[in-house]
Protein backbone atom coordinates (compact mmCIF):
# COMPACT_ATOMS: atom_id res chain seq x y z
CA MET A 1 138.80 -171.73 25.99
CA ALA A 2 141.73 -170.71 23.90
CA ALA A 3 139.58 -171.13 20.81
CA ARG A 4 136.94 -168.65 22.09
CA GLN A 5 139.57 -166.03 22.76
CA LYS A 6 140.89 -166.29 19.21
CA THR A 7 137.41 -165.92 17.87
CA TRP A 8 136.78 -162.72 19.83
CA ILE A 9 140.15 -161.36 18.82
CA GLY A 10 139.22 -161.88 15.16
CA VAL A 11 135.87 -160.16 15.56
CA ILE A 12 137.44 -157.19 17.28
CA ALA A 13 140.11 -156.91 14.61
CA GLY A 14 137.47 -156.96 11.86
CA MET A 15 135.48 -154.24 13.51
CA THR A 16 138.63 -152.16 13.90
CA LEU A 17 139.29 -152.39 10.19
CA VAL A 18 135.70 -151.39 9.39
CA LEU A 19 135.89 -148.39 11.68
CA ALA A 20 139.21 -147.39 10.23
CA GLY A 21 137.77 -147.51 6.73
CA CYS A 22 134.77 -145.37 7.75
CA GLY A 23 137.06 -142.87 9.37
CA THR A 24 139.12 -142.56 6.25
CA ASP A 25 135.98 -141.84 4.13
CA ASP A 26 134.74 -139.20 6.57
CA SER A 27 138.07 -137.37 6.49
CA ARG A 28 137.90 -137.03 2.70
CA THR A 29 134.24 -135.87 2.54
CA PRO A 30 133.65 -133.51 5.40
CA ALA A 31 130.04 -132.78 6.23
CA THR A 32 128.96 -129.20 5.61
CA SER A 33 125.75 -127.15 5.80
CA SER A 34 126.16 -125.60 2.31
CA SER A 35 123.01 -125.08 0.23
CA VAL A 36 124.74 -126.38 -2.91
CA ARG A 37 122.59 -128.96 -4.52
CA PRO A 38 124.17 -132.40 -4.93
CA VAL A 39 125.36 -133.48 -8.34
CA THR A 40 122.92 -135.85 -9.88
CA THR A 41 124.52 -138.74 -11.63
CA THR A 42 123.07 -140.41 -14.66
CA SER A 43 124.02 -143.23 -16.84
CA SER A 44 125.62 -140.76 -19.31
CA SER A 45 129.34 -140.61 -19.40
CA ALA A 46 129.31 -136.78 -18.88
CA ALA A 47 127.23 -135.77 -15.91
CA PRO A 48 125.46 -132.37 -16.24
CA VAL A 49 126.73 -129.65 -13.95
CA VAL A 50 124.17 -128.02 -11.74
CA ILE A 51 124.95 -124.27 -11.41
CA PRO A 52 123.98 -122.86 -8.08
CA PRO A 53 121.65 -119.81 -8.07
CA THR A 54 123.32 -116.38 -7.88
CA ALA A 55 122.07 -113.97 -5.29
CA GLY A 56 119.82 -111.20 -6.72
CA VAL A 57 119.37 -112.86 -10.14
CA PRO A 58 115.92 -114.29 -10.82
CA THR A 59 115.85 -117.92 -11.72
CA THR A 60 112.83 -117.55 -14.04
CA ALA A 61 112.92 -116.20 -17.60
CA PRO A 62 111.61 -112.60 -18.06
CA THR A 63 108.10 -112.27 -19.38
CA ALA A 64 108.04 -110.72 -22.88
CA ARG A 65 105.97 -107.55 -23.13
CA PRO A 66 103.32 -107.44 -25.85
CA SER A 67 104.43 -105.46 -28.89
CA ALA A 68 102.74 -102.14 -29.72
CA SER A 69 99.82 -102.27 -32.10
CA THR A 70 100.86 -101.99 -35.76
CA THR A 71 97.38 -101.03 -37.03
CA PRO A 72 97.75 -97.72 -39.02
CA ALA A 73 95.77 -94.74 -37.82
CA PRO A 74 92.85 -93.73 -40.03
CA PRO A 75 93.73 -90.94 -42.52
CA GLY A 76 92.81 -87.41 -41.46
CA PRO A 77 90.98 -84.86 -43.60
CA PRO A 78 92.93 -83.48 -46.59
CA PRO A 79 94.75 -80.18 -45.92
CA THR A 80 92.90 -77.01 -46.85
CA PRO A 81 94.50 -75.51 -50.00
CA ALA A 82 96.14 -72.11 -49.63
CA THR A 83 94.27 -69.26 -51.32
CA GLY A 84 94.96 -65.70 -52.36
CA THR A 85 93.60 -62.88 -54.54
CA VAL A 86 94.10 -62.24 -58.23
CA VAL A 87 93.12 -58.86 -59.69
CA LEU A 88 92.85 -58.44 -63.46
CA ARG A 89 93.00 -54.80 -64.57
CA THR A 90 92.00 -53.48 -67.98
CA ALA A 91 93.31 -49.99 -68.81
CA THR A 92 94.92 -47.95 -71.56
CA LEU A 93 98.64 -47.33 -71.71
CA SER A 94 98.09 -43.99 -70.00
CA GLY A 95 96.18 -45.68 -67.16
CA THR A 96 92.60 -44.86 -68.14
CA PRO A 97 90.31 -47.72 -66.99
CA VAL A 98 88.53 -49.73 -69.68
CA PRO A 99 85.36 -51.12 -68.08
CA GLY A 100 83.11 -53.95 -69.21
CA VAL A 101 85.85 -56.19 -70.57
CA PRO A 102 85.27 -60.00 -70.35
CA VAL A 103 88.36 -61.57 -68.73
CA TYR A 104 89.40 -65.08 -67.71
CA LEU A 105 91.86 -66.77 -65.34
CA SER A 106 93.18 -70.28 -66.12
CA LEU A 107 94.93 -72.48 -63.51
CA GLN A 108 97.77 -74.48 -65.10
CA GLN A 109 98.94 -77.82 -63.64
CA PRO A 110 101.39 -79.35 -62.93
CA CYS A 111 103.41 -76.24 -62.16
CA ASP A 112 105.50 -74.79 -59.32
CA PRO A 113 104.43 -71.15 -58.79
CA ALA A 114 107.63 -70.38 -56.87
CA GLY A 115 109.59 -71.01 -60.08
CA HIS A 116 107.62 -68.32 -61.98
CA ASP A 117 107.56 -70.40 -65.14
CA ILE A 118 104.82 -72.25 -67.01
CA PRO A 119 106.50 -74.80 -69.31
CA VAL A 120 104.93 -74.56 -72.76
CA GLY A 121 103.18 -77.79 -73.73
CA GLU A 122 103.74 -79.43 -70.33
CA THR A 123 100.71 -78.14 -68.42
CA THR A 124 96.96 -78.26 -68.88
CA GLU A 125 94.07 -76.15 -67.66
CA ALA A 126 92.86 -77.48 -64.30
CA GLN A 127 90.34 -74.70 -63.57
CA ARG A 128 88.94 -71.64 -65.36
CA LEU A 129 87.43 -68.53 -63.80
CA ASP A 130 85.57 -65.90 -65.83
CA GLY A 131 84.57 -62.33 -65.01
CA VAL A 132 83.94 -58.83 -66.37
CA THR A 133 85.87 -55.74 -65.31
CA ASP A 134 83.89 -53.12 -63.39
CA ALA A 135 83.71 -49.35 -63.82
CA SER A 136 87.26 -49.11 -62.46
CA GLY A 137 88.52 -51.67 -64.98
CA LEU A 138 89.00 -54.35 -62.28
CA ALA A 139 87.93 -57.99 -61.92
CA VAL A 140 88.78 -59.66 -58.58
CA PHE A 141 89.12 -63.43 -58.04
CA THR A 142 89.71 -65.37 -54.80
CA THR A 143 91.43 -68.59 -55.81
CA VAL A 144 94.02 -71.23 -54.85
CA THR A 145 97.73 -70.62 -55.09
CA GLY A 146 99.31 -71.75 -58.34
CA CYS A 147 100.39 -70.81 -61.88
CA TYR A 148 97.88 -68.96 -64.03
CA ARG A 149 97.39 -67.77 -67.56
CA PHE A 150 94.93 -64.92 -68.13
CA GLY A 151 93.42 -63.00 -70.98
CA MET A 152 90.40 -61.10 -72.27
CA THR A 153 87.93 -60.67 -75.08
CA ALA A 154 88.50 -57.13 -76.33
CA PRO A 155 85.23 -55.24 -76.86
CA ALA A 156 84.43 -53.88 -80.30
CA GLY A 157 85.94 -50.48 -80.95
CA THR A 158 88.92 -51.01 -78.62
CA ASN A 159 92.53 -51.49 -79.62
CA PRO A 160 94.28 -54.00 -77.29
CA VAL A 161 98.06 -54.00 -77.03
CA PRO A 162 99.45 -57.20 -78.67
CA GLU A 163 101.46 -58.68 -75.80
CA GLY A 164 101.19 -62.44 -76.37
CA MET A 165 100.36 -64.85 -73.54
CA HIS A 166 99.85 -63.35 -70.11
CA SER A 167 100.82 -65.28 -66.95
CA LEU A 168 100.97 -64.67 -63.21
CA PHE A 169 101.94 -66.67 -60.11
CA LEU A 170 100.09 -66.77 -56.80
CA VAL A 171 102.68 -68.21 -54.40
CA ASP A 172 101.76 -67.58 -50.75
CA GLN A 173 98.64 -67.92 -48.64
CA GLY A 174 96.78 -64.60 -48.50
CA ALA A 175 98.92 -62.98 -51.21
CA SER A 176 97.49 -60.62 -53.86
CA VAL A 177 98.69 -60.47 -57.46
CA THR A 178 97.59 -58.11 -60.26
CA GLY A 179 97.56 -58.93 -63.96
CA GLN A 180 97.51 -56.09 -66.53
CA LEU A 181 95.54 -56.18 -69.78
CA ARG A 182 96.29 -53.04 -71.77
CA PHE A 183 94.74 -51.06 -74.59
CA GLN A 184 96.11 -48.41 -76.91
CA ASP A 185 95.12 -44.86 -76.06
CA THR A 186 92.67 -43.92 -78.80
CA PRO A 187 92.11 -40.20 -78.85
CA PRO A 188 88.40 -39.52 -78.63
CA GLU A 189 86.89 -38.16 -81.77
CA PRO A 190 85.85 -34.59 -81.27
CA ALA A 191 82.13 -34.28 -80.96
CA PRO A 192 80.53 -32.53 -83.93
CA ALA A 193 80.23 -28.84 -83.20
CA CYS A 194 76.49 -28.99 -83.77
CA ALA A 195 75.91 -31.98 -81.45
CA GLU A 196 73.50 -31.31 -78.60
CA SER A 197 76.03 -32.42 -75.96
CA THR A 198 78.64 -30.05 -77.39
CA VAL A 199 76.28 -27.10 -77.52
CA GLU A 200 74.87 -27.59 -74.02
CA THR A 201 78.28 -28.27 -72.46
CA GLU A 202 79.90 -25.20 -73.98
CA LEU A 203 76.93 -22.95 -73.21
CA GLY A 204 76.83 -24.28 -69.62
CA VAL A 205 73.08 -25.00 -69.63
CA ASP A 206 71.03 -27.81 -68.12
CA PRO A 207 71.39 -30.84 -70.39
CA ALA A 208 68.17 -32.46 -69.17
CA PRO A 209 65.65 -30.72 -71.45
CA ALA A 210 65.80 -31.77 -75.07
CA ALA A 211 67.41 -29.20 -77.33
CA ASP A 212 66.35 -28.31 -80.86
CA ILE A 213 69.38 -27.11 -82.83
CA SER A 214 68.66 -25.77 -86.29
CA GLU A 215 70.53 -24.06 -89.11
CA CYS A 216 73.89 -24.96 -87.58
CA ASP A 217 76.90 -24.54 -89.86
CA GLY A 218 79.47 -25.14 -87.12
CA GLN A 219 79.96 -21.40 -86.66
CA TRP A 220 76.41 -20.07 -86.21
CA ALA A 221 73.25 -21.81 -85.04
CA VAL A 222 69.75 -21.31 -83.70
CA VAL A 223 68.83 -23.31 -80.58
CA SER A 224 65.78 -23.69 -78.33
CA TRP A 225 64.69 -26.10 -75.54
CA ALA A 226 61.47 -27.92 -74.79
CA THR A 227 60.69 -25.88 -71.71
CA PRO A 228 57.98 -23.28 -71.02
CA GLY A 229 58.67 -19.74 -72.22
CA ASP A 230 60.65 -18.23 -75.07
CA ASN A 231 64.16 -19.65 -74.76
CA GLN A 232 65.27 -19.48 -78.38
CA ARG A 233 68.65 -17.91 -79.08
CA ILE A 234 71.25 -17.48 -81.82
CA ILE A 235 74.66 -18.77 -80.88
CA THR A 236 78.09 -18.38 -82.42
CA ARG A 237 81.23 -20.42 -82.02
CA THR A 238 84.35 -18.41 -81.30
CA SER A 239 87.69 -19.51 -79.86
CA GLY A 240 86.51 -23.14 -79.97
CA ALA A 241 83.35 -22.72 -77.84
CA TRP A 242 79.72 -21.77 -78.34
CA THR A 243 78.51 -18.43 -76.94
CA THR A 244 75.13 -16.67 -77.10
CA TYR A 245 74.86 -13.94 -79.73
CA VAL A 246 71.26 -12.84 -79.10
CA LEU A 247 68.35 -14.07 -76.97
CA PHE A 248 64.80 -13.83 -78.28
CA PRO A 249 63.15 -11.44 -78.32
CA HIS A 250 66.00 -9.12 -79.30
CA THR A 251 66.49 -5.66 -80.84
CA THR A 252 69.64 -6.27 -82.89
CA CYS A 253 69.27 -4.98 -86.44
CA TRP A 254 70.29 -6.98 -89.46
CA GLU A 255 72.87 -4.35 -90.42
CA THR A 256 74.63 -4.93 -87.11
CA ALA A 257 74.29 -8.69 -87.45
CA THR A 258 75.81 -8.60 -90.92
CA ALA A 259 78.76 -6.62 -89.57
CA ASP A 260 79.17 -9.25 -86.85
CA GLY A 261 79.36 -12.03 -89.44
CA VAL A 262 75.86 -13.53 -89.11
CA PRO A 263 75.23 -15.56 -92.29
CA GLY A 264 72.41 -14.59 -94.68
CA SER A 265 70.61 -17.84 -93.87
CA LEU A 266 69.64 -16.28 -90.54
CA ARG A 267 68.30 -13.01 -91.99
CA ARG A 268 64.68 -13.80 -91.03
CA TYR A 269 65.55 -13.72 -87.32
CA PHE A 270 66.27 -9.96 -87.52
CA ASN A 271 63.66 -7.20 -87.93
CA CYS A 272 65.42 -4.03 -88.92
C-alpha cells in the first residue's frame, strides 16, 4: 500500500514539472493573430529575413512599357527653291534704249548672295540663261535666288562702255533686280540733205509714195512723187530745212529765179 502511494506521488510530481515547463515556454512566446509570416529556417548559418508586405506598395515588379519605334520617317519632298526676277537693260549713257542686244545671265555656285560677292576662281557656272532685249532695251528672266554674272554681245555699229565683269545678287523670294549694260552715246550722223527721208520730213509731205529727187546740190533740187497728177516742184534749203520754191506749172521767169539764187543747172525749168 505504501509503495502504491509513492508511485502515484512520483507520477504527479513528474506531470507537475512537465506542466511547469510548458507554462514557462508559453510565457516567452505569446500567441498572437499577426499576419507576419513565420521565419523559415534552413540549414544555412544565416537565415534569410522575410520582409512583410507594406500597405499600398505592390508586391509585383512593374511591367516595362515598350519603347517607341526608332524607324526613321520617310524623307519628304525637297523644298521648292526661292525665285525672283532679273531684268537686264541695254541703254546708252543718256538712257536711250538699245534694242535687239543678245544678253546672258550666268548662275555662279557655290556663293552666298547675301554677301554680295562672287569669289574669283572659286565658283563655276551652274546655269545659263540667254535672251535678247526688246524694243525698250529690256530682257526679263524669272530665276532662282543666287549670285549671277551677266553680259552681252554688242551688235555691230554700237560702242559698249568697257566696264569689266558685271554681277548681281538675287537674295529674297519674289525680289526683282536690274542689271545695266551700257553703250556710249553716238551722235547720229546727219542724213544727207538730198536723202528722200530728209526731203519728205522737212517738207512735211506723205512719205509713203516714192520720191524722185534730181539735180540736188544740197541747196536746190527738183522733186516729184509717183502719184497721179503733176506734183513736180523745185525746192530750196534755207535755214537748215527744205522749202518749196515753185510748184509746176509755174510762171516764175528765169530773171527772177536768177536773182533768187537758182543755179544755172535748173535754167530749163523756167520759160521766160
